[in-house]
N, C-alpha and C. Protein backbone atom coordinates (compact mmCIF):
# COMPACT_ATOMS: atom_id res chain seq x y z
N MET A 1 68.34 78.27 94.00
CA MET A 1 69.09 78.96 92.97
C MET A 1 69.77 80.18 93.59
N LEU A 2 70.98 80.49 93.12
CA LEU A 2 71.76 81.56 93.72
C LEU A 2 71.13 82.93 93.50
N ILE A 3 70.56 83.16 92.35
CA ILE A 3 70.01 84.48 92.04
C ILE A 3 68.71 84.74 92.79
N SER A 4 67.91 83.69 93.00
CA SER A 4 66.61 83.90 93.64
C SER A 4 66.72 84.09 95.15
N ASP A 5 67.78 83.59 95.77
CA ASP A 5 67.96 83.73 97.21
C ASP A 5 68.92 84.89 97.46
N SER A 6 68.49 85.86 98.23
CA SER A 6 69.28 87.08 98.36
C SER A 6 70.48 86.93 99.29
N ILE A 7 70.43 86.06 100.29
CA ILE A 7 71.54 85.95 101.25
C ILE A 7 72.80 85.38 100.60
N PRO A 8 72.75 84.26 99.86
CA PRO A 8 73.97 83.80 99.20
C PRO A 8 74.50 84.81 98.18
N LEU A 9 73.61 85.48 97.49
CA LEU A 9 74.05 86.50 96.54
C LEU A 9 74.72 87.66 97.26
N LEU A 10 74.19 88.04 98.40
CA LEU A 10 74.80 89.11 99.19
C LEU A 10 76.20 88.71 99.66
N TRP A 11 76.36 87.47 100.13
CA TRP A 11 77.68 86.99 100.57
C TRP A 11 78.64 86.92 99.38
N LEU A 12 78.17 86.51 98.21
CA LEU A 12 79.02 86.44 97.03
C LEU A 12 79.50 87.83 96.63
N ILE A 13 78.61 88.79 96.63
CA ILE A 13 78.99 90.17 96.30
C ILE A 13 79.97 90.71 97.33
N TYR A 14 79.73 90.41 98.61
CA TYR A 14 80.63 90.88 99.66
C TYR A 14 82.01 90.26 99.49
N ALA A 15 82.08 88.96 99.15
CA ALA A 15 83.37 88.30 98.95
C ALA A 15 84.13 88.91 97.77
N VAL A 16 83.45 89.17 96.67
CA VAL A 16 84.10 89.75 95.50
C VAL A 16 84.59 91.16 95.81
N LEU A 17 83.75 91.96 96.44
CA LEU A 17 84.15 93.33 96.77
C LEU A 17 85.29 93.36 97.78
N SER A 18 85.27 92.46 98.77
CA SER A 18 86.36 92.46 99.74
C SER A 18 87.67 91.99 99.11
N LEU A 19 87.61 91.07 98.14
CA LEU A 19 88.83 90.68 97.43
C LEU A 19 89.37 91.84 96.59
N MET A 20 88.48 92.62 96.02
CA MET A 20 88.92 93.80 95.27
C MET A 20 89.56 94.83 96.20
N VAL A 21 88.99 95.01 97.38
CA VAL A 21 89.56 95.94 98.36
C VAL A 21 90.94 95.46 98.80
N LEU A 22 91.07 94.16 99.06
CA LEU A 22 92.37 93.63 99.48
C LEU A 22 93.41 93.75 98.37
N GLY A 23 93.01 93.48 97.13
CA GLY A 23 93.95 93.62 96.02
C GLY A 23 94.39 95.07 95.83
N ALA A 24 93.45 95.99 95.91
CA ALA A 24 93.79 97.40 95.77
C ALA A 24 94.65 97.87 96.95
N GLY A 25 94.33 97.38 98.14
CA GLY A 25 95.13 97.74 99.31
C GLY A 25 96.54 97.21 99.23
N TYR A 26 96.69 95.99 98.72
CA TYR A 26 98.02 95.40 98.56
C TYR A 26 98.85 96.22 97.57
N MET A 27 98.21 96.65 96.49
CA MET A 27 98.93 97.46 95.51
C MET A 27 99.21 98.86 96.04
N ALA A 28 98.36 99.37 96.92
CA ALA A 28 98.55 100.72 97.46
C ALA A 28 99.73 100.80 98.41
N VAL A 29 100.07 99.71 99.06
CA VAL A 29 101.19 99.73 100.02
C VAL A 29 102.42 99.02 99.45
N ARG A 30 102.59 99.08 98.13
CA ARG A 30 103.74 98.44 97.46
C ARG A 30 105.07 99.08 97.88
N PHE A 31 105.06 100.29 98.38
CA PHE A 31 106.29 100.94 98.78
C PHE A 31 106.87 100.35 100.06
N LEU A 32 106.06 99.61 100.81
CA LEU A 32 106.53 99.00 102.06
C LEU A 32 107.26 97.69 101.77
N PRO A 33 108.14 97.27 102.67
CA PRO A 33 108.73 95.93 102.54
C PRO A 33 107.65 94.85 102.64
N ARG A 34 108.00 93.65 102.27
CA ARG A 34 107.00 92.59 102.13
C ARG A 34 106.34 92.22 103.46
N LEU A 35 107.08 92.13 104.56
CA LEU A 35 106.50 91.74 105.85
C LEU A 35 105.43 92.72 106.32
N PRO A 36 105.71 94.03 106.41
CA PRO A 36 104.64 94.94 106.84
C PRO A 36 103.46 94.97 105.87
N ARG A 37 103.74 94.82 104.58
CA ARG A 37 102.67 94.81 103.59
C ARG A 37 101.73 93.63 103.82
N LEU A 38 102.29 92.44 104.05
CA LEU A 38 101.47 91.26 104.28
C LEU A 38 100.73 91.33 105.61
N VAL A 39 101.35 91.91 106.62
CA VAL A 39 100.68 92.05 107.92
C VAL A 39 99.51 93.02 107.81
N ILE A 40 99.70 94.14 107.11
CA ILE A 40 98.61 95.11 106.95
C ILE A 40 97.45 94.50 106.17
N VAL A 41 97.75 93.84 105.07
CA VAL A 41 96.70 93.23 104.27
C VAL A 41 96.03 92.09 105.04
N GLY A 42 96.80 91.35 105.83
CA GLY A 42 96.23 90.28 106.64
C GLY A 42 95.29 90.80 107.72
N THR A 43 95.65 91.91 108.35
CA THR A 43 94.77 92.47 109.37
C THR A 43 93.47 92.99 108.76
N VAL A 44 93.57 93.60 107.59
CA VAL A 44 92.36 94.08 106.92
C VAL A 44 91.50 92.90 106.49
N ALA A 45 92.13 91.84 105.98
CA ALA A 45 91.37 90.65 105.58
C ALA A 45 90.69 90.00 106.79
N GLY A 46 91.39 89.94 107.91
CA GLY A 46 90.78 89.38 109.11
C GLY A 46 89.60 90.20 109.59
N ALA A 47 89.73 91.52 109.47
CA ALA A 47 88.61 92.39 109.88
C ALA A 47 87.43 92.25 108.93
N LEU A 48 87.70 92.06 107.65
CA LEU A 48 86.62 91.96 106.67
C LEU A 48 85.92 90.61 106.69
N TRP A 49 86.65 89.54 107.00
CA TRP A 49 86.11 88.20 106.81
C TRP A 49 85.71 87.47 108.09
N MET A 50 85.87 88.06 109.26
CA MET A 50 85.47 87.39 110.50
C MET A 50 83.96 87.48 110.65
N PRO A 51 83.26 86.34 110.63
CA PRO A 51 81.80 86.39 110.76
C PRO A 51 81.37 86.36 112.22
N THR A 52 80.18 86.86 112.48
CA THR A 52 79.57 86.79 113.80
C THR A 52 78.06 86.67 113.63
N ARG A 53 77.42 86.19 114.68
CA ARG A 53 75.97 86.03 114.66
C ARG A 53 75.31 87.33 115.12
N PHE A 54 74.18 87.65 114.51
CA PHE A 54 73.43 88.83 114.91
C PHE A 54 71.96 88.46 115.08
N ARG A 55 71.23 89.35 115.75
CA ARG A 55 69.80 89.13 116.01
C ARG A 55 69.08 90.46 115.90
N LEU A 56 68.09 90.52 115.01
CA LEU A 56 67.34 91.76 114.79
C LEU A 56 65.88 91.54 115.15
N PRO A 57 65.27 92.50 115.85
CA PRO A 57 63.82 92.38 116.12
C PRO A 57 63.02 92.63 114.84
N MET A 58 61.93 91.88 114.70
CA MET A 58 61.04 92.05 113.55
C MET A 58 59.84 92.90 113.96
N LEU A 59 58.94 93.13 113.04
CA LEU A 59 57.78 93.99 113.32
C LEU A 59 56.83 93.36 114.33
N GLU A 60 56.65 92.03 114.26
CA GLU A 60 55.77 91.35 115.22
C GLU A 60 56.45 91.28 116.58
N GLU A 61 55.68 91.39 117.61
CA GLU A 61 56.19 91.37 118.99
C GLU A 61 56.79 89.99 119.30
N GLY A 62 58.01 89.97 119.79
CA GLY A 62 58.66 88.73 120.19
C GLY A 62 59.31 87.96 119.06
N GLU A 63 59.27 88.45 117.84
CA GLU A 63 59.88 87.78 116.69
C GLU A 63 61.26 88.39 116.43
N PHE A 64 62.24 87.52 116.11
CA PHE A 64 63.59 87.97 115.84
C PHE A 64 64.12 87.28 114.60
N TYR A 65 64.97 87.99 113.87
CA TYR A 65 65.67 87.40 112.73
C TYR A 65 67.12 87.23 113.15
N THR A 66 67.66 86.01 113.03
CA THR A 66 69.05 85.75 113.37
C THR A 66 69.79 85.29 112.13
N GLY A 67 71.06 85.58 112.08
CA GLY A 67 71.88 85.18 110.94
C GLY A 67 73.34 85.50 111.19
N PHE A 68 74.16 85.31 110.14
CA PHE A 68 75.58 85.62 110.21
C PHE A 68 75.88 86.82 109.32
N ALA A 69 76.82 87.63 109.77
CA ALA A 69 77.27 88.79 109.01
C ALA A 69 78.73 89.05 109.39
N PRO A 70 79.46 89.81 108.59
CA PRO A 70 80.83 90.18 108.98
C PRO A 70 80.83 90.96 110.29
N ALA A 71 81.80 90.65 111.14
CA ALA A 71 81.85 91.26 112.46
C ALA A 71 82.01 92.78 112.38
N VAL A 72 82.71 93.27 111.38
CA VAL A 72 82.89 94.71 111.26
C VAL A 72 81.56 95.39 110.95
N VAL A 73 80.71 94.76 110.18
CA VAL A 73 79.39 95.32 109.86
C VAL A 73 78.50 95.29 111.10
N VAL A 74 78.50 94.16 111.80
CA VAL A 74 77.68 94.03 113.01
C VAL A 74 78.14 95.02 114.07
N ALA A 75 79.46 95.19 114.23
CA ALA A 75 79.97 96.14 115.22
C ALA A 75 79.56 97.57 114.87
N GLY A 76 79.61 97.92 113.60
CA GLY A 76 79.21 99.26 113.19
C GLY A 76 77.73 99.52 113.40
N ILE A 77 76.89 98.56 113.05
CA ILE A 77 75.45 98.74 113.22
C ILE A 77 75.06 98.77 114.69
N THR A 78 75.66 97.88 115.50
CA THR A 78 75.32 97.89 116.93
C THR A 78 75.84 99.15 117.61
N PHE A 79 76.92 99.73 117.09
CA PHE A 79 77.38 101.01 117.63
C PHE A 79 76.34 102.10 117.37
N LEU A 80 75.80 102.11 116.15
CA LEU A 80 74.78 103.11 115.81
C LEU A 80 73.50 102.88 116.60
N GLN A 81 73.16 101.62 116.90
CA GLN A 81 71.95 101.31 117.66
C GLN A 81 72.17 101.37 119.17
N ARG A 82 73.40 101.56 119.58
CA ARG A 82 73.78 101.61 121.00
C ARG A 82 73.39 100.32 121.73
N ASP A 83 73.69 99.18 121.09
CA ASP A 83 73.43 97.86 121.66
C ASP A 83 74.76 97.31 122.17
N GLY A 84 75.04 97.53 123.46
CA GLY A 84 76.33 97.19 124.03
C GLY A 84 76.62 95.71 124.08
N GLY A 85 75.64 94.87 124.34
CA GLY A 85 75.87 93.43 124.46
C GLY A 85 76.32 92.81 123.15
N THR A 86 75.63 93.14 122.08
CA THR A 86 75.99 92.58 120.78
C THR A 86 77.29 93.20 120.27
N MET A 87 77.48 94.47 120.58
CA MET A 87 78.70 95.12 120.12
C MET A 87 79.94 94.53 120.78
N THR A 88 79.84 94.14 122.04
CA THR A 88 80.97 93.54 122.74
C THR A 88 81.37 92.24 122.07
N THR A 89 80.41 91.40 121.76
CA THR A 89 80.70 90.14 121.09
C THR A 89 81.31 90.38 119.71
N ALA A 90 80.74 91.32 118.96
CA ALA A 90 81.25 91.61 117.62
C ALA A 90 82.66 92.18 117.67
N LEU A 91 82.94 93.05 118.64
CA LEU A 91 84.28 93.63 118.76
C LEU A 91 85.31 92.59 119.17
N ILE A 92 84.94 91.66 120.05
CA ILE A 92 85.87 90.60 120.44
C ILE A 92 86.21 89.74 119.23
N LEU A 93 85.21 89.37 118.44
CA LEU A 93 85.47 88.59 117.24
C LEU A 93 86.23 89.40 116.19
N LEU A 94 85.98 90.69 116.13
CA LEU A 94 86.70 91.55 115.20
C LEU A 94 88.19 91.61 115.56
N VAL A 95 88.49 91.77 116.83
CA VAL A 95 89.89 91.79 117.27
C VAL A 95 90.54 90.43 117.04
N LEU A 96 89.80 89.35 117.27
CA LEU A 96 90.31 88.01 117.00
C LEU A 96 90.61 87.84 115.50
N GLY A 97 89.74 88.33 114.64
CA GLY A 97 89.96 88.25 113.20
C GLY A 97 91.17 89.06 112.76
N VAL A 98 91.36 90.24 113.34
CA VAL A 98 92.52 91.06 113.02
C VAL A 98 93.80 90.35 113.45
N GLY A 99 93.79 89.75 114.63
CA GLY A 99 94.97 89.01 115.10
C GLY A 99 95.27 87.80 114.23
N LEU A 100 94.24 87.06 113.86
CA LEU A 100 94.45 85.90 112.99
C LEU A 100 94.96 86.33 111.61
N GLY A 101 94.46 87.45 111.12
CA GLY A 101 94.94 87.97 109.83
C GLY A 101 96.40 88.38 109.90
N ALA A 102 96.82 88.99 110.99
CA ALA A 102 98.22 89.38 111.15
C ALA A 102 99.11 88.15 111.22
N VAL A 103 98.66 87.12 111.94
CA VAL A 103 99.43 85.87 112.02
C VAL A 103 99.51 85.21 110.65
N ALA A 104 98.43 85.26 109.88
CA ALA A 104 98.45 84.69 108.53
C ALA A 104 99.41 85.47 107.63
N GLY A 105 99.49 86.78 107.79
CA GLY A 105 100.44 87.58 107.01
C GLY A 105 101.88 87.22 107.34
N VAL A 106 102.18 87.03 108.62
CA VAL A 106 103.53 86.63 109.01
C VAL A 106 103.84 85.23 108.49
N ALA A 107 102.84 84.33 108.55
CA ALA A 107 103.04 82.96 108.04
C ALA A 107 103.31 82.98 106.54
N LEU A 108 102.59 83.82 105.78
CA LEU A 108 102.86 83.93 104.35
C LEU A 108 104.25 84.48 104.08
N TRP A 109 104.69 85.42 104.90
CA TRP A 109 106.03 85.96 104.75
C TRP A 109 107.07 84.88 105.01
N LEU A 110 106.87 84.08 106.05
CA LEU A 110 107.81 83.00 106.36
C LEU A 110 107.82 81.94 105.27
N LEU A 111 106.67 81.62 104.71
CA LEU A 111 106.62 80.66 103.61
C LEU A 111 107.32 81.20 102.37
N GLY A 112 107.20 82.48 102.13
CA GLY A 112 107.87 83.10 100.99
C GLY A 112 109.37 83.16 101.14
N ARG A 113 109.87 83.19 102.36
CA ARG A 113 111.31 83.22 102.60
C ARG A 113 111.93 81.85 102.49
N GLY A 114 111.15 80.78 102.49
CA GLY A 114 111.69 79.42 102.45
C GLY A 114 112.57 79.17 101.25
N GLY A 115 112.25 79.73 100.09
CA GLY A 115 113.05 79.53 98.88
C GLY A 115 114.38 80.25 98.95
N ASP A 116 114.48 81.37 99.66
CA ASP A 116 115.71 82.14 99.75
C ASP A 116 116.72 81.47 100.67
N GLN A 117 116.28 80.73 101.65
CA GLN A 117 117.19 80.14 102.62
C GLN A 117 117.89 78.91 102.08
N THR A 118 117.34 78.25 101.06
CA THR A 118 117.98 77.05 100.53
C THR A 118 119.31 77.38 99.88
N GLU A 119 119.45 78.56 99.31
CA GLU A 119 120.70 78.96 98.68
C GLU A 119 121.81 79.17 99.71
N ALA A 120 121.44 79.60 100.91
CA ALA A 120 122.43 79.83 101.95
C ALA A 120 123.00 78.52 102.50
N HIS A 121 122.25 77.43 102.37
CA HIS A 121 122.70 76.15 102.90
C HIS A 121 123.48 75.33 101.88
N GLN A 122 123.73 75.85 100.68
CA GLN A 122 124.49 75.13 99.68
C GLN A 122 125.97 75.16 100.03
N ALA A 123 126.67 74.18 99.48
CA ALA A 123 128.12 74.12 99.69
C ALA A 123 128.77 75.32 99.00
N PRO A 124 129.91 75.82 99.52
CA PRO A 124 130.56 76.98 98.91
C PRO A 124 130.97 76.72 97.46
N ALA A 125 131.33 75.49 97.12
CA ALA A 125 131.73 75.18 95.75
C ALA A 125 130.56 75.33 94.79
N GLU A 126 129.38 74.94 95.22
CA GLU A 126 128.21 75.08 94.37
C GLU A 126 127.84 76.55 94.16
N ARG A 127 128.00 77.35 95.21
CA ARG A 127 127.69 78.77 95.08
C ARG A 127 128.70 79.48 94.20
N ALA A 128 129.96 79.03 94.20
CA ALA A 128 131.00 79.67 93.39
C ALA A 128 130.78 79.41 91.91
N GLU A 129 130.16 78.27 91.55
CA GLU A 129 129.93 77.94 90.15
C GLU A 129 128.87 78.84 89.53
N ARG A 130 127.90 79.23 90.32
CA ARG A 130 126.80 80.05 89.79
C ARG A 130 127.08 81.51 90.06
N PRO A 131 126.99 82.35 89.02
CA PRO A 131 127.17 83.80 89.26
C PRO A 131 125.92 84.36 89.95
N PRO A 132 126.05 85.46 90.64
CA PRO A 132 124.86 86.10 91.25
C PRO A 132 123.84 86.44 90.16
N SER A 133 122.60 86.51 90.55
CA SER A 133 121.52 86.71 89.58
C SER A 133 121.62 88.06 88.87
N GLY A 134 122.30 89.04 89.42
CA GLY A 134 122.39 90.36 88.81
C GLY A 134 123.41 90.42 87.68
N GLU A 135 124.38 89.48 87.63
CA GLU A 135 125.42 89.50 86.61
C GLU A 135 124.94 88.85 85.32
N ARG A 136 125.58 89.21 84.24
CA ARG A 136 125.26 88.61 82.96
C ARG A 136 125.89 87.23 82.88
N ARG A 137 125.16 86.28 82.37
CA ARG A 137 125.68 84.92 82.24
C ARG A 137 125.97 84.63 80.78
N GLU A 138 127.16 84.21 80.50
CA GLU A 138 127.57 83.88 79.14
C GLU A 138 127.15 82.45 78.82
N PRO A 139 126.75 82.20 77.57
CA PRO A 139 126.38 80.82 77.20
C PRO A 139 127.63 79.94 77.12
N VAL A 140 127.47 78.70 77.52
CA VAL A 140 128.57 77.73 77.50
C VAL A 140 128.17 76.59 76.57
N ILE A 141 129.07 76.25 75.66
CA ILE A 141 128.83 75.14 74.74
C ILE A 141 129.64 73.94 75.22
N GLY A 142 128.98 72.81 75.33
CA GLY A 142 129.69 71.57 75.66
C GLY A 142 129.55 71.15 77.01
């Protein structure tokens, strides 16, 4: 059950909170053009959602707990613990996630531009029949 197991519930809460952060961040940079806005939000999403494996020592000698966590969290904790080996792996995956997020932002921008380019490829006669979207269009009967 989802409520009785703490790890899936933790991941669910993290996913909801990170989506709220991304939504708020997208709205916060509305003054920017669409390409930089999508790249910024994509890099933040890549940093938030890139998972990595971690390993923590337990109280018993020789026992370890291993699992997955967001790379940004693992990098922050290993920085505080001064664990260079784990931090290197987490930082590499964090940079990879940021790069993939930026590429995803550019891809979303290119997909969004696909509808605008079809109008440029129309014949001049077809474009002359339609007024620009900013002008008022009069109704035509018949």
